[in-house]
Amino acid sequence: MLTRRDWLKSTAVFSLAAASSISDPLAARGDEPSAGSPDRSGNQSGQPAQDAIDIGSRRELFVDDLLIDRLNGACLELHSPQPREIVLRFDQPWEGLYSGYETVLRDGDTLRFYYRGMPVARHTEDVEVTCVAESRDGIHWTRPKLGLFKVQGTTDNNVVLARHRGCHNFAPFVDANPDAPADQRYKALGGTGAPGLIAFASPDGIYWRELQKDPVITKGAFDSQNNAFWSESERQYVCYFRVFREGVRWIARTTSPDFIHWTDPVDLELDGKPPQHLYTNQIDPYVRAPHIYLGLPTRFLPGRRVVTEEEARRIGTPTEWNYANDCTDILLASARGGANFKRTFLEAFIRPGFDLENWTSRANYAARGIVETGDRELSLYVKHHSGYPTNHVRRYTLRPDGFVAVSGPYAGGEMITRPLTFSGDRLTINFSTSAAGGMRVELQSAEGKPIKGCTLDDCPEIIGDRIDHTVSWKSGSDMGKLSGQPVRLRFALKDADLYSLQFAGS
């Protein structure tokens, strides 16, 4: 599947071909390739109608290539989030230089940000604590004065768990299981190494208790953030956690019907790409399409040094754990259950940037969780400057569904889907074009034949920038008569990006 890097290599060739054969890519018709015929890159394409992908009324993103049969002149393009304001500085006595392993989640109108407080380089129960901050808008955060634990000589703090080995990497979530008891509305896992992960529960995210003394997951390394959640699509609890495979930090997965009894772990696939140290995984259901799990793993590059000795002294790089010798960045990954795991892009989703303090070991960690902070805004949070007095969390933003786009250049490009079945009666898209660009959509049979009345010529040019746009043709937008039947979608894109699609009901 073409990503932007692959596409750049062939852009000039395609542009010349397009210029000689297509005066207006949006109006182009010509002979349609049928299922099983080669696309312009020479790849054999096509999928039998009986193998159609049922997407129901789910929103589908392009973080993987599940829906895509062919990209002709178009490519998949990674859209990195934009850095915004610093929202939290770890400047309290019980927090400090090595605070981290963050989780952000929404509970109604309240956002909660959980993190480990760790002022000195020592993994012990008398040092590590679990803290919480709260916000209404995702920008302004406060530390509630809970008075639950005396830490650093005071109970005037935001600590929700202390003097427990689970504090090292406590990872909570709001339980979406409709059968979850009210006093277990929040759940969490925490712990490292032997004997394993302890299960916790809470009615409100503040007062926590162990569900049992014995660990519930024991086959793993666990020396990172180990993320569990209730999967609405799989109807079970899922946990993605740290393992080592041939010396490489990797991710395994286990499932449970009750959060207590877990299956034997399964390693995630390498997805045809080389193994890389993934320090944290941060896999979580995406809020607008919870059947798709998005991960923001920190990619750890041991021994890859950037700062010089003089720079390390000047910025005060920690020496306890040789922080000057490594660097990190953040990837975008996705999963759909089982061992499925996709790193569609090996290019960084978030780069370290200008700060030298972000070019040393463990300096860039995304929080688990991507939250909606507006009708046109997603927020995610990244810890920077780990190991420095300036250790902090910065907010990043991007448009809803805006992680990856099917992108067409000005010369024009196309994307044709595999056969799909759906429920609903209209097609909605999340898209953006330039003022000179646009897109059109065609409905095809599973065999790749244009459906009468729903061809490119029948689709008025789509121009603008909208999160939720209903596609229409000259005959209208009602697709109810095609519900349940296998169809393909053909998108003709000119200086345009397609972020997601959904078949919705009126």
Protein backbone atom coordinates (compact mmCIF):
# COMPACT_ATOMS: atom_id res chain seq x y z
CA MET A 1 0.00 0.00 0.00
CA LEU A 2 1.38 3.37 -1.01
CA THR A 3 2.33 5.77 1.74
CA ARG A 4 3.56 9.28 1.03
CA ARG A 5 7.21 8.23 0.88
CA ASP A 6 6.40 5.54 -1.71
CA TRP A 7 4.21 7.95 -3.63
CA LEU A 8 6.86 10.66 -3.83
CA LYS A 9 9.11 8.29 -5.71
CA SER A 10 6.52 7.88 -8.47
CA THR A 11 4.79 11.28 -8.45
CA ALA A 12 6.66 12.70 -11.42
CA VAL A 13 5.92 9.65 -13.55
CA PHE A 14 2.24 9.67 -12.66
CA SER A 15 1.91 13.44 -13.10
CA LEU A 16 3.26 13.24 -16.64
CA ALA A 17 0.93 10.37 -17.48
CA ALA A 18 -2.01 12.17 -15.92
CA ALA A 19 -1.22 15.40 -17.71
CA SER A 20 -1.20 13.65 -21.07
CA SER A 21 -4.43 11.71 -20.52
CA ILE A 22 -6.54 13.60 -17.98
CA SER A 23 -7.32 17.27 -18.38
CA ASP A 24 -9.62 17.30 -15.34
CA PRO A 25 -9.08 14.38 -12.94
CA LEU A 26 -12.49 14.95 -11.35
CA ALA A 27 -14.27 14.69 -14.67
CA ALA A 28 -12.28 11.71 -15.98
CA ARG A 29 -14.32 8.68 -17.04
CA GLY A 30 -12.77 6.34 -19.59
CA ASP A 31 -12.90 2.57 -19.30
CA GLU A 32 -13.21 1.31 -15.76
CA PRO A 33 -10.84 -1.44 -14.59
CA SER A 34 -12.76 -4.52 -13.54
CA ALA A 35 -12.11 -6.59 -10.45
CA GLY A 36 -9.05 -8.75 -11.02
CA SER A 37 -7.44 -6.37 -13.54
CA PRO A 38 -4.03 -4.79 -12.86
CA ASP A 39 -3.95 -1.26 -11.47
CA ARG A 40 -1.58 1.41 -12.79
CA SER A 41 1.28 0.13 -10.66
CA GLY A 42 0.88 -3.35 -12.18
CA ASN A 43 -0.50 -4.93 -9.01
CA GLN A 44 -3.27 -7.46 -9.38
CA SER A 45 -6.39 -6.26 -7.62
CA GLY A 46 -9.90 -7.35 -6.95
CA GLN A 47 -11.83 -9.27 -4.31
CA PRO A 48 -14.77 -11.65 -4.76
CA ALA A 49 -18.14 -10.24 -3.78
CA GLN A 50 -18.63 -13.00 -1.22
CA ASP A 51 -15.57 -11.66 0.61
CA ALA A 52 -17.07 -8.20 1.02
CA ILE A 53 -16.16 -6.40 4.22
CA ASP A 54 -19.20 -5.63 6.36
CA ILE A 55 -18.68 -2.20 7.90
CA GLY A 56 -22.29 -1.73 9.01
CA SER A 57 -22.71 1.88 10.13
CA ARG A 58 -19.24 2.13 11.67
CA ARG A 59 -16.94 5.06 10.98
CA GLU A 60 -13.84 3.82 9.15
CA LEU A 61 -10.44 5.51 9.13
CA PHE A 62 -7.43 4.91 6.89
CA VAL A 63 -4.89 4.17 9.61
CA ASP A 64 -4.60 0.77 7.94
CA ASP A 65 -5.39 -0.50 4.44
CA LEU A 66 -8.35 -2.73 5.32
CA LEU A 67 -10.80 -0.98 2.98
CA ILE A 68 -8.40 -0.10 0.17
CA ASP A 69 -8.12 -2.14 -3.01
CA ARG A 70 -6.24 0.32 -5.23
CA LEU A 71 -4.51 3.68 -5.00
CA ASN A 72 -3.95 5.15 -8.45
CA GLY A 73 -1.88 8.31 -8.18
CA ALA A 74 -3.12 8.86 -4.63
CA CYS A 75 -1.31 7.87 -1.44
CA LEU A 76 -1.75 7.46 2.29
CA GLU A 77 -0.38 10.51 4.09
CA LEU A 78 0.40 10.73 7.80
CA HIS A 79 -0.85 13.95 9.42
CA SER A 80 1.05 14.76 12.59
CA PRO A 81 -0.69 16.65 15.41
CA GLN A 82 0.17 20.25 16.19
CA PRO A 83 1.93 21.14 19.45
CA ARG A 84 -0.03 23.47 21.70
CA GLU A 85 0.43 24.73 25.24
CA ILE A 86 2.17 23.11 28.21
CA VAL A 87 -0.70 21.96 30.42
CA LEU A 88 1.05 20.40 33.40
CA ARG A 89 4.48 20.75 34.98
CA PHE A 90 5.61 18.03 37.37
CA ASP A 91 6.78 20.54 39.97
CA GLN A 92 5.26 19.21 43.19
CA PRO A 93 7.49 17.46 45.77
CA TRP A 94 5.84 14.08 45.18
CA GLU A 95 6.11 14.39 41.36
CA GLY A 96 9.44 15.53 39.95
CA LEU A 97 11.98 14.50 37.34
CA TYR A 98 10.82 10.96 36.60
CA SER A 99 7.05 11.38 36.66
CA GLY A 100 5.35 9.60 33.80
CA TYR A 101 3.25 6.68 32.49
CA GLU A 102 0.26 8.93 31.90
CA THR A 103 -3.37 8.16 31.11
CA VAL A 104 -5.99 10.70 30.03
CA LEU A 105 -9.66 9.74 30.02
CA ARG A 106 -13.08 11.33 29.98
CA ASP A 107 -15.79 10.69 32.56
CA GLY A 108 -18.81 12.76 31.56
CA ASP A 109 -17.82 16.42 31.53
CA THR A 110 -14.62 15.76 33.48
CA LEU A 111 -11.25 14.84 32.03
CA ARG A 112 -8.86 13.00 34.32
CA PHE A 113 -5.11 12.74 33.90
CA TYR A 114 -3.41 9.96 35.89
CA TYR A 115 0.36 9.73 36.20
CA ARG A 116 3.17 8.37 38.30
CA GLY A 117 4.93 10.74 40.65
CA MET A 118 8.63 9.89 41.03
CA PRO A 119 10.98 12.66 42.22
CA VAL A 120 14.17 10.54 42.38
CA ALA A 121 15.60 7.72 40.28
CA ARG A 122 14.47 4.88 42.51
CA HIS A 123 11.68 2.39 41.80
CA THR A 124 10.51 1.74 45.35
CA GLU A 125 7.18 1.88 47.12
CA ASP A 126 8.31 4.75 49.33
CA VAL A 127 9.03 6.92 46.25
CA GLU A 128 6.47 6.12 43.54
CA VAL A 129 2.90 7.37 43.89
CA THR A 130 -0.12 7.63 41.56
CA CYS A 131 -1.54 11.12 41.05
CA VAL A 132 -4.55 12.62 39.28
CA ALA A 133 -5.29 16.01 37.73
CA GLU A 134 -8.68 17.17 36.45
CA SER A 135 -9.94 19.46 33.70
CA ARG A 136 -13.12 20.56 31.97
CA ASP A 137 -11.59 21.75 28.72
CA GLY A 138 -8.39 19.72 28.37
CA ILE A 139 -6.29 22.88 28.63
CA HIS A 140 -6.57 24.04 32.22
CA TRP A 141 -5.77 21.33 34.75
CA THR A 142 -6.00 21.37 38.54
CA ARG A 143 -4.72 18.99 41.20
CA PRO A 144 -7.56 18.08 43.56
CA LYS A 145 -6.55 18.14 47.23
CA LEU A 146 -7.66 14.65 48.20
CA GLY A 147 -6.08 14.10 51.61
CA LEU A 148 -5.91 10.33 51.09
CA PHE A 149 -2.20 9.67 51.65
CA LYS A 150 0.55 11.43 53.51
CA VAL A 151 3.41 11.92 51.04
CA GLN A 152 6.48 14.11 51.43
CA GLY A 153 5.16 15.18 54.83
CA THR A 154 1.69 16.34 53.69
CA THR A 155 -1.79 15.04 52.88
CA ASP A 156 -2.51 18.21 50.93
CA ASN A 157 -1.93 16.45 47.60
CA ASN A 158 -3.55 14.76 44.59
CA VAL A 159 -2.29 11.23 45.31
CA VAL A 160 -4.83 8.41 44.76
CA LEU A 161 -2.49 5.47 45.49
CA ALA A 162 0.72 5.21 47.50
CA ARG A 163 3.06 2.62 49.01
CA HIS A 164 1.99 -0.04 46.52
CA ARG A 165 4.04 -1.64 43.74
CA GLY A 166 1.14 -0.91 41.38
CA CYS A 167 2.07 2.78 41.53
CA HIS A 168 4.98 2.19 39.17
CA ASN A 169 2.71 1.97 36.13
CA PHE A 170 -0.90 2.26 37.34
CA ALA A 171 -3.08 2.36 34.18
CA PRO A 172 -6.80 3.08 34.77
CA PHE A 173 -9.81 3.19 32.43
CA VAL A 174 -13.55 3.82 32.66
CA ASP A 175 -15.18 0.42 32.23
CA ALA A 176 -17.58 0.46 29.25
CA ASN A 177 -18.84 -3.04 30.09
CA PRO A 178 -22.62 -2.59 30.55
CA ASP A 179 -22.57 -5.37 33.15
CA ALA A 180 -19.83 -3.81 35.29
CA PRO A 181 -20.91 -3.31 38.94
CA ALA A 182 -21.32 0.30 40.03
CA ASP A 183 -18.47 0.00 42.51
CA GLN A 184 -16.18 -1.15 39.66
CA ARG A 185 -16.99 1.59 37.16
CA TYR A 186 -13.27 2.31 36.97
CA LYS A 187 -10.70 -0.45 36.63
CA ALA A 188 -6.91 -0.51 36.42
CA LEU A 189 -3.85 -2.75 36.22
CA GLY A 190 -0.54 -2.06 37.89
CA GLY A 191 2.68 -3.83 38.80
CA THR A 192 5.98 -4.90 37.32
CA GLY A 193 7.82 -8.17 36.70
CA ALA A 194 7.21 -11.04 39.08
CA PRO A 195 4.70 -11.87 40.36
CA GLY A 196 2.64 -9.86 37.79
CA LEU A 197 -0.17 -7.35 37.31
CA ILE A 198 -2.64 -6.57 40.09
CA ALA A 199 -6.28 -5.75 39.25
CA PHE A 200 -7.83 -2.66 40.86
CA ALA A 201 -11.34 -1.19 40.86
CA SER A 202 -12.97 2.06 41.93
CA PRO A 203 -16.48 3.52 41.89
CA ASP A 204 -15.25 7.03 41.05
CA GLY A 205 -11.62 6.97 39.94
CA ILE A 206 -10.43 8.34 43.29
CA TYR A 207 -10.87 5.58 45.87
CA TRP A 208 -9.15 2.42 44.67
CA ARG A 209 -9.01 -1.14 46.01
CA GLU A 210 -7.43 -4.41 44.91
CA LEU A 211 -9.90 -6.88 43.42
CA GLN A 212 -7.75 -9.68 44.81
CA LYS A 213 -4.31 -10.05 46.34
CA ASP A 214 -2.94 -12.43 43.72
CA PRO A 215 -1.84 -11.03 40.34
CA VAL A 216 -4.22 -11.63 37.43
CA ILE A 217 -1.65 -11.59 34.58
CA THR A 218 1.73 -13.20 35.22
CA LYS A 219 3.34 -14.02 31.84
CA GLY A 220 5.14 -10.86 30.83
CA ALA A 221 7.80 -8.30 31.69
CA PHE A 222 5.28 -5.55 32.54
CA ASP A 223 8.03 -2.95 33.10
CA SER A 224 6.10 -0.32 31.15
CA GLN A 225 2.52 0.92 30.95
CA ASN A 226 0.20 -2.07 30.52
CA ASN A 227 -3.12 -0.97 29.05
CA ALA A 228 -6.44 -2.74 29.54
CA PHE A 229 -9.97 -1.80 28.47
CA TRP A 230 -13.40 -3.24 27.73
CA SER A 231 -13.69 -3.81 23.99
CA GLU A 232 -17.16 -3.03 22.68
CA SER A 233 -16.42 -4.83 19.40
CA GLU A 234 -14.87 -7.95 20.95
CA ARG A 235 -17.18 -8.03 24.00
CA GLN A 236 -14.36 -8.81 26.40
CA TYR A 237 -11.56 -7.16 28.34
CA VAL A 238 -8.31 -6.73 26.45
CA CYS A 239 -4.84 -5.93 27.76
CA TYR A 240 -1.80 -4.88 25.72
CA PHE A 241 1.40 -5.19 27.73
CA ARG A 242 5.21 -5.23 27.64
CA VAL A 243 7.22 -8.30 26.72
CA PHE A 244 10.79 -8.85 25.55
CA ARG A 245 11.35 -10.93 22.42
CA GLU A 246 14.97 -11.68 21.45
CA GLY A 247 16.06 -8.65 23.42
CA VAL A 248 13.56 -6.29 21.77
CA ARG A 249 10.83 -4.48 23.71
CA TRP A 250 7.57 -5.62 22.13
CA ILE A 251 3.83 -5.95 22.81
CA ALA A 252 1.70 -8.96 23.72
CA ARG A 253 -2.05 -9.20 24.21
CA THR A 254 -4.37 -11.17 26.46
CA THR A 255 -8.15 -11.18 26.94
CA SER A 256 -10.59 -11.83 29.76
CA PRO A 257 -14.36 -12.16 30.26
CA ASP A 258 -14.27 -10.84 33.84
CA PHE A 259 -10.98 -8.92 34.34
CA ILE A 260 -9.73 -11.69 36.66
CA HIS A 261 -9.16 -14.72 34.45
CA TRP A 262 -6.94 -13.99 31.42
CA THR A 263 -5.94 -16.06 28.39
CA ASP A 264 -2.37 -17.03 27.51
CA PRO A 265 -0.65 -14.05 25.89
CA VAL A 266 -0.25 -13.71 22.12
CA ASP A 267 2.51 -11.56 20.61
CA LEU A 268 1.38 -8.88 18.19
CA GLU A 269 2.33 -9.29 14.56
CA LEU A 270 5.36 -7.53 13.07
CA ASP A 271 3.09 -6.51 10.13
CA GLY A 272 5.86 -7.21 7.64
CA LYS A 273 8.11 -4.56 9.14
CA PRO A 274 11.29 -4.89 11.20
CA PRO A 275 11.11 -5.24 14.99
CA GLN A 276 11.68 -2.01 16.89
CA HIS A 277 11.86 -1.25 20.58
CA LEU A 278 8.35 -0.04 21.49
CA TYR A 279 8.69 1.20 25.04
CA THR A 280 5.07 2.02 25.75
CA ASN A 281 2.16 0.96 23.53
CA GLN A 282 -0.70 3.31 24.59
CA ILE A 283 -3.24 1.22 22.67
CA ASP A 284 -6.80 2.33 23.37
CA PRO A 285 -10.16 2.32 21.50
CA TYR A 286 -10.49 5.42 19.35
CA VAL A 287 -13.33 7.51 20.73
CA ARG A 288 -15.09 8.09 17.38
CA ALA A 289 -14.60 4.52 16.11
CA PRO A 290 -14.06 2.23 19.12
CA HIS A 291 -13.65 -0.91 16.99
CA ILE A 292 -10.33 0.59 15.89
CA TYR A 293 -7.66 0.66 18.58
CA LEU A 294 -5.08 3.40 18.16
CA GLY A 295 -1.65 3.25 19.74
CA LEU A 296 0.93 5.97 20.30
CA PRO A 297 3.97 3.84 21.13
CA THR A 298 7.24 5.45 22.12
CA ARG A 299 9.94 4.13 19.79
CA PHE A 300 13.11 3.67 21.82
CA LEU A 301 16.50 3.79 20.07
CA PRO A 302 19.15 2.62 22.55
CA GLY A 303 22.68 3.77 21.79
CA ARG A 304 21.55 6.35 19.24
CA ARG A 305 23.16 9.47 20.63
CA VAL A 306 22.35 13.01 19.50
CA VAL A 307 23.55 15.42 22.23
CA THR A 308 27.25 16.04 22.62
CA GLU A 309 29.08 15.77 25.94
CA GLU A 310 29.15 19.56 26.23
CA GLU A 311 25.42 19.85 25.41
CA ALA A 312 24.58 17.13 27.94
CA ARG A 313 26.45 19.02 30.68
CA ARG A 314 24.85 22.31 29.70
CA ILE A 315 21.26 21.04 29.83
CA GLY A 316 21.88 18.87 32.90
CA THR A 317 21.20 15.48 31.36
CA PRO A 318 20.64 12.84 34.08
CA THR A 319 23.59 10.54 34.60
CA GLU A 320 21.89 7.95 36.82
CA TRP A 321 20.63 5.92 33.85
CA ASN A 322 22.92 7.12 31.02
CA TYR A 323 20.19 9.28 29.50
CA ALA A 324 22.54 10.94 27.00
CA ASN A 325 23.08 7.73 25.03
CA ASP A 326 19.54 7.11 23.71
CA CYS A 327 16.69 8.92 21.98
CA THR A 328 12.99 8.39 21.33
CA ASP A 329 10.08 9.47 19.17
CA ILE A 330 6.40 8.53 18.91
CA LEU A 331 4.71 6.35 16.28
CA LEU A 332 1.10 5.89 15.23
CA ALA A 333 -0.09 2.29 15.31
CA SER A 334 -3.46 0.56 15.05
CA ALA A 335 -5.11 -2.76 15.84
CA ARG A 336 -8.46 -4.44 15.29
CA GLY A 337 -8.26 -7.34 17.72
CA GLY A 338 -6.39 -10.62 17.84
CA ALA A 339 -2.72 -10.43 16.92
CA ASN A 340 -3.55 -7.76 14.31
CA PHE A 341 -1.18 -4.81 14.59
CA LYS A 342 -0.36 -2.22 11.97
CA ARG A 343 2.48 0.27 11.74
CA THR A 344 1.28 1.70 8.44
CA PHE A 345 3.99 4.34 8.80
CA LEU A 346 7.45 3.89 10.24
CA GLU A 347 7.90 7.66 9.99
CA ALA A 348 7.43 9.36 13.36
CA PHE A 349 3.97 10.65 14.24
CA ILE A 350 5.55 13.09 16.73
CA ARG A 351 9.21 14.08 16.43
CA PRO A 352 11.38 15.26 19.33
CA GLY A 353 11.57 18.81 17.94
CA PHE A 354 13.96 21.66 18.74
CA ASP A 355 14.51 21.02 22.46
CA LEU A 356 17.73 19.20 23.21
CA GLU A 357 16.02 17.87 26.36
CA ASN A 358 13.78 15.86 24.03
CA TRP A 359 16.77 14.19 22.37
CA THR A 360 17.82 12.13 25.37
CA SER A 361 16.56 8.83 26.70
CA ARG A 362 12.86 8.40 27.49
CA ALA A 363 12.12 12.06 26.77
CA ASN A 364 9.00 11.60 24.62
CA TYR A 365 6.05 9.63 25.97
CA ALA A 366 2.47 10.02 24.78
CA ALA A 367 -0.24 9.59 27.37
CA ARG A 368 -2.65 6.77 26.76
CA GLY A 369 -5.90 8.23 25.50
CA ILE A 370 -7.07 10.58 22.74
CA VAL A 371 -9.99 12.78 23.78
CA GLU A 372 -12.42 15.12 22.06
CA THR A 373 -12.00 18.68 23.30
CA GLY A 374 -14.26 20.34 20.72
CA ASP A 375 -16.44 19.64 17.69
CA ARG A 376 -13.40 20.07 15.45
CA GLU A 377 -10.59 19.07 17.80
CA LEU A 378 -8.96 16.01 19.24
CA SER A 379 -6.38 16.42 22.00
CA LEU A 380 -3.57 14.10 22.95
CA TYR A 381 -0.86 14.67 25.52
CA VAL A 382 2.88 14.07 25.49
CA LYS A 383 5.37 14.13 28.34
CA HIS A 384 8.62 15.89 27.42
CA HIS A 385 11.92 16.61 29.20
CA SER A 386 11.87 13.40 31.23
CA GLY A 387 14.65 13.45 33.83
CA TYR A 388 14.94 17.26 33.86
CA PRO A 389 13.53 19.82 36.33
CA THR A 390 11.42 21.08 33.40
CA ASN A 391 9.62 17.71 33.05
CA HIS A 392 6.16 18.59 31.68
CA VAL A 393 3.14 17.58 29.60
CA ARG A 394 2.26 19.35 26.37
CA ARG A 395 -1.07 19.16 24.59
CA TYR A 396 -1.20 18.34 20.86
CA THR A 397 -4.24 18.69 18.61
CA LEU A 398 -5.54 17.45 15.28
CA ARG A 399 -8.87 17.32 13.48
CA PRO A 400 -11.26 14.46 14.27
CA ASP A 401 -10.16 11.31 12.39
CA GLY A 402 -7.23 13.33 11.06
CA PHE A 403 -4.42 10.83 11.66
CA VAL A 404 -4.04 9.56 8.10
CA ALA A 405 -5.59 10.76 4.85
CA VAL A 406 -6.06 9.27 1.42
CA SER A 407 -4.43 12.16 -0.39
CA GLY A 408 -4.72 13.10 -4.04
CA PRO A 409 -2.30 15.57 -5.67
CA TYR A 410 -3.31 18.48 -7.88
CA ALA A 411 -2.67 16.29 -10.93
CA GLY A 412 -5.33 13.92 -9.62
CA GLY A 413 -5.52 10.53 -8.03
CA GLU A 414 -7.99 7.81 -7.13
CA MET A 415 -8.80 5.37 -4.38
CA ILE A 416 -11.03 2.35 -5.00
CA THR A 417 -12.23 0.31 -2.06
CA ARG A 418 -12.62 -3.38 -1.71
CA PRO A 419 -16.22 -4.63 -1.89
CA LEU A 420 -18.14 -3.39 1.16
CA THR A 421 -21.53 -4.08 2.67
CA PHE A 422 -23.15 -1.50 4.90
CA SER A 423 -26.26 -0.52 6.81
CA GLY A 424 -27.72 2.96 6.67
CA ASP A 425 -28.96 5.09 3.82
CA ARG A 426 -26.33 7.78 3.21
CA LEU A 427 -22.59 8.08 2.83
CA THR A 428 -20.83 10.67 4.97
CA ILE A 429 -17.20 11.70 4.65
CA ASN A 430 -14.62 13.72 6.60
CA PHE A 431 -12.57 15.59 4.01
CA SER A 432 -10.53 18.66 3.13
CA THR A 433 -9.67 20.23 -0.23
CA SER A 434 -7.82 23.28 -1.44
CA ALA A 435 -9.77 26.10 -3.06
CA ALA A 436 -8.70 24.78 -6.47
CA GLY A 437 -9.15 21.12 -5.57
CA GLY A 438 -12.09 18.85 -4.99
CA MET A 439 -13.35 15.29 -5.11
CA ARG A 440 -16.10 13.16 -6.56
CA VAL A 441 -17.41 9.77 -5.50
CA GLU A 442 -18.68 6.88 -7.60
CA LEU A 443 -20.56 3.79 -6.51
CA GLN A 444 -19.59 0.57 -8.23
CA SER A 445 -20.74 -3.00 -8.19
CA ALA A 446 -18.52 -5.54 -6.46
CA GLU A 447 -17.12 -6.34 -9.92
CA GLY A 448 -16.07 -2.72 -10.44
CA LYS A 449 -18.85 -1.58 -12.78
CA PRO A 450 -20.22 1.95 -12.22
CA ILE A 451 -23.77 1.95 -10.85
CA LYS A 452 -26.15 3.92 -13.03
CA GLY A 453 -27.00 7.28 -11.55
CA CYS A 454 -24.07 7.14 -9.10
CA THR A 455 -21.08 7.63 -11.42
CA LEU A 456 -18.41 10.32 -11.10
CA ASP A 457 -20.28 12.38 -13.68
CA ASP A 458 -23.41 12.18 -11.53
CA CYS A 459 -21.60 13.46 -8.41
CA PRO A 460 -21.37 17.25 -8.02
CA GLU A 461 -17.83 18.32 -7.19
CA ILE A 462 -17.20 18.26 -3.43
CA ILE A 463 -15.17 21.28 -2.26
CA GLY A 464 -14.36 22.58 1.21
CA ASP A 465 -13.36 21.28 4.61
CA ARG A 466 -16.00 19.38 6.58
CA ILE A 467 -16.03 16.79 9.34
CA ASP A 468 -19.39 15.28 8.38
CA HIS A 469 -20.49 15.77 4.77
CA THR A 470 -23.25 13.75 3.08
CA VAL A 471 -22.32 12.68 -0.45
CA SER A 472 -25.03 13.12 -3.05
CA TRP A 473 -25.49 12.46 -6.75
CA LYS A 474 -27.90 14.00 -9.25
CA SER A 475 -30.53 11.56 -8.02
CA GLY A 476 -29.95 12.49 -4.38
CA SER A 477 -28.15 10.99 -1.38
CA ASP A 478 -30.43 8.07 -0.44
CA MET A 479 -28.50 4.80 -0.61
CA GLY A 480 -30.98 2.70 1.33
CA LYS A 481 -31.75 0.45 -1.64
CA LEU A 482 -28.10 -0.67 -1.68
CA SER A 483 -27.91 -1.45 2.03
CA GLY A 484 -26.63 -4.99 2.58
CA GLN A 485 -25.40 -5.35 -1.01
CA PRO A 486 -21.68 -5.47 -1.86
CA VAL A 487 -20.47 -2.22 -3.44
CA ARG A 488 -17.19 -0.48 -4.10
CA LEU A 489 -16.48 3.21 -3.63
CA ARG A 490 -14.31 5.10 -6.08
CA PHE A 491 -12.94 8.45 -4.92
CA ALA A 492 -11.41 10.85 -7.46
CA LEU A 493 -9.27 13.36 -5.56
CA LYS A 494 -7.62 16.56 -6.76
CA ASP A 495 -5.55 18.39 -4.12
CA ALA A 496 -7.83 16.75 -1.57
CA ASP A 497 -7.67 14.60 1.55
CA LEU A 498 -10.15 11.97 2.70
CA TYR A 499 -9.90 11.15 6.42
CA SER A 500 -12.82 8.86 7.11
CA LEU A 501 -16.11 7.56 5.78
CA GLN A 502 -19.30 6.23 7.32
CA PHE A 503 -22.63 4.91 6.13
CA ALA A 504 -25.14 6.54 8.44
CA GLY A 505 -28.88 6.44 8.96
CA SER A 506 -31.09 9.47 8.45
